[in-house]
Protein backbone atom coordinates (compact mmCIF):
# COMPACT_ATOMS: atom_id res chain seq x y z
CA MET A 1 107.46 68.17 57.23
CA GLY A 2 111.18 68.41 56.51
CA HIS A 3 113.70 65.61 56.51
CA GLU A 4 116.04 65.69 59.46
CA THR A 5 119.34 63.89 59.41
CA GLY A 6 121.66 62.13 61.75
CA THR A 7 121.01 60.28 64.98
CA ASN A 8 118.52 62.80 66.40
CA ALA A 9 116.21 62.36 63.41
CA MET A 10 116.27 58.59 63.65
CA LEU A 11 114.60 58.13 67.02
CA ASP A 12 112.05 55.47 66.08
CA SER A 13 113.54 52.09 66.93
CA ARG A 14 111.65 48.82 66.42
CA PRO A 15 112.33 45.41 67.97
CA HIS A 16 113.73 43.66 64.88
CA ASP A 17 115.67 46.67 63.64
CA ASN A 18 119.05 47.06 65.22
CA LEU A 19 119.38 50.63 64.01
CA PRO A 20 116.81 53.43 64.21
CA ARG A 21 114.54 54.36 61.32
CA GLY A 22 114.40 57.72 59.60
CA THR A 23 116.20 59.56 56.82
CA ILE A 24 119.81 60.21 55.94
CA CYS A 25 119.84 62.86 53.21
CA ILE A 26 122.27 62.68 50.29
CA GLU A 27 124.25 65.59 51.75
CA ASP A 28 125.09 63.43 54.79
CA LEU A 29 125.91 60.15 53.04
CA GLU A 30 129.49 58.87 52.91
CA ILE A 31 131.16 55.93 51.17
CA GLY A 32 131.25 53.00 53.59
CA LEU A 33 128.25 54.10 55.65
CA SER A 34 126.33 50.96 56.59
CA ARG A 35 123.01 50.00 58.19
CA TYR A 36 121.41 46.66 58.96
CA LEU A 37 118.53 44.80 60.50
CA ARG A 38 118.23 41.34 61.96
CA LYS A 39 115.03 39.29 61.69
CA GLU A 40 113.99 35.73 62.43
CA ILE A 41 112.06 34.25 59.51
CA THR A 42 108.94 32.56 60.86
CA ASP A 43 106.40 30.17 59.39
CA ARG A 44 103.91 33.05 59.58
CA ASP A 45 106.25 35.29 57.52
CA ILE A 46 106.42 32.60 54.82
CA GLU A 47 102.65 32.04 54.84
CA LEU A 48 101.92 35.78 54.64
CA PHE A 49 104.44 36.25 51.82
CA ALA A 50 102.82 33.36 49.91
CA GLU A 51 99.43 35.00 50.36
CA VAL A 52 100.54 38.47 49.30
CA SER A 53 102.73 37.36 46.38
CA THR A 54 100.43 34.46 45.33
CA ASP A 55 103.55 32.24 45.20
CA HIS A 56 102.33 29.02 46.81
CA ASN A 57 105.20 26.82 45.62
CA PRO A 58 105.09 23.80 47.96
CA VAL A 59 108.84 24.05 48.62
CA HIS A 60 107.87 26.97 50.87
CA LEU A 61 104.68 25.59 52.42
CA ASP A 62 104.60 21.76 52.39
CA ASP A 63 107.02 19.85 54.64
CA ASP A 64 106.48 16.49 52.89
CA TYR A 65 106.99 17.95 49.43
CA ALA A 66 110.00 20.04 50.45
CA ARG A 67 111.75 17.08 52.14
CA ASP A 68 112.11 15.43 48.71
CA THR A 69 113.72 18.47 47.04
CA ILE A 70 117.39 19.43 46.81
CA PHE A 71 116.79 21.63 49.87
CA GLU A 72 115.66 18.65 52.00
CA GLY A 73 113.11 20.83 53.77
CA ARG A 74 111.04 23.97 53.50
CA ILE A 75 112.69 27.24 52.58
CA ALA A 76 111.60 30.87 52.62
CA HIS A 77 110.86 32.66 49.36
CA GLY A 78 114.03 34.30 48.05
CA MET A 79 112.17 37.56 47.58
CA LEU A 80 111.06 37.48 51.24
CA THR A 81 114.74 37.58 52.17
CA ALA A 82 115.35 40.28 49.55
CA GLY A 83 112.52 42.28 51.12
CA LEU A 84 114.71 42.75 54.19
CA ILE A 85 117.19 44.64 51.99
CA SER A 86 114.30 46.83 50.85
CA ALA A 87 113.42 47.47 54.50
CA VAL A 88 116.94 48.65 55.32
CA ILE A 89 117.00 50.93 52.26
CA GLY A 90 113.52 52.35 52.79
CA GLU A 91 113.72 52.76 56.56
CA GLN A 92 117.39 53.38 57.38
CA LEU A 93 119.84 53.96 54.51
CA PRO A 94 119.06 56.36 52.95
CA GLY A 95 115.64 55.83 54.54
CA HIS A 96 112.31 57.60 54.22
CA GLY A 97 111.90 59.34 50.87
CA THR A 98 114.30 57.01 49.03
CA ILE A 99 113.26 55.91 45.53
CA TYR A 100 114.40 52.49 44.28
CA MET A 101 115.83 52.68 40.75
CA GLY A 102 117.28 49.19 40.40
CA GLN A 103 118.38 46.06 42.20
CA ASN A 104 120.34 42.99 41.26
CA LEU A 105 120.53 39.93 43.46
CA LYS A 106 122.23 36.55 43.64
CA PHE A 107 120.67 33.92 45.86
CA LEU A 108 123.50 31.84 47.28
CA ALA A 109 121.92 29.64 49.95
CA PRO A 110 118.43 28.87 51.28
CA VAL A 111 116.81 30.57 54.25
CA ARG A 112 114.73 28.26 56.41
CA PRO A 113 111.96 28.89 58.92
CA GLY A 114 113.62 29.83 62.22
CA ASP A 115 116.75 31.27 60.59
CA VAL A 116 117.85 34.71 61.77
CA VAL A 117 118.76 36.83 58.75
CA LEU A 118 121.13 39.77 58.98
CA ALA A 119 120.39 42.19 56.12
CA GLU A 120 123.16 44.76 55.52
CA VAL A 121 123.39 47.72 53.15
CA THR A 122 126.59 49.72 52.58
CA VAL A 123 127.13 52.87 50.49
CA ARG A 124 129.53 52.07 47.62
CA GLU A 125 129.17 55.07 45.30
CA ILE A 126 127.53 58.50 45.53
CA GLU A 127 126.65 60.73 42.58
CA TYR A 128 125.68 63.88 44.49
CA ALA A 129 124.60 65.93 41.45
CA LYS A 130 121.99 63.36 40.44
CA ARG A 131 121.25 62.15 44.01
CA ARG A 132 122.07 58.59 42.93
CA VAL A 133 123.56 56.15 45.40
CA THR A 134 124.87 52.66 44.71
CA LEU A 135 124.54 50.33 47.68
CA ASP A 136 126.15 46.95 48.30
CA CYS A 137 123.52 44.57 49.70
CA ARG A 138 124.08 41.36 51.64
CA CYS A 139 122.01 38.95 53.70
CA SER A 140 123.54 36.28 55.88
CA VAL A 141 122.48 33.55 58.26
CA GLY A 142 125.29 33.02 60.75
CA ASN A 143 128.50 32.92 58.73
CA THR A 144 126.73 31.97 55.49
CA THR A 145 125.97 34.63 52.88
CA VAL A 146 122.53 33.75 51.51
CA LEU A 147 122.03 36.73 49.19
CA LYS A 148 124.20 39.47 47.74
CA GLY A 149 123.75 42.21 45.20
CA GLU A 150 123.62 45.93 44.63
CA ALA A 151 120.92 48.56 44.56
CA LEU A 152 120.72 51.91 42.82
CA VAL A 153 118.55 54.47 44.60
CA LEU A 154 117.59 58.12 44.41
CA ALA A 155 118.33 59.55 47.84
CA PRO A 156 116.31 62.29 49.52
CA SER A 157 117.84 65.76 49.73
CA ARG A 158 117.33 68.68 52.12
CA LYS A 159 117.19 70.93 49.01
CA PHE A 160 113.77 69.50 48.10
CA ASP A 161 112.08 69.87 51.51
C-alpha cells in the first residue's frame, strides 16, 4: 500500500491527537511545518509505564515517598513525556514509515499526574537527498516548557513505495 500525503491521507483522528495521523513524505515537508498532540497524564499512564519499562522508582508511584523529595509529590517518568514526542513523529510528522535516527532531550520541569502535556514537533532542517529531517521537539504544561530537544529522522518517500 502506497503512502499518501497531505490532509486527505491523514483521515484517522483520535481523541487525544489534535491533528490527524498518517504520513507526510519527504517530498512534501517544509521548514517550519509543525504537528502536535495534547494528552492528560494519568495515574494509569504512570503505572503502565512503570510496568513496561520496569522503572518502579517510588518518586513516580508512592505519594508518601515522593512528598519528601525535591518535587514535593509524585511525578511522571521523563521518558513517558518524551514518548509523546515519539508519538507525534511516528504518527503525524513525518508519520508512518519514519525511522528514528537520534534524539536529544533536556528535562526542564516535572510532569505530574493530571497535567495536560502539549507535545510539539517542528521541521528545522531537511536534507532531501538523504531523506534526513531534523525536528525541534518541545513539551509543555500550560506556559511551562517541561522538555525540549531535537530529533533526527529518516522520512518516508514516495520514491520507495
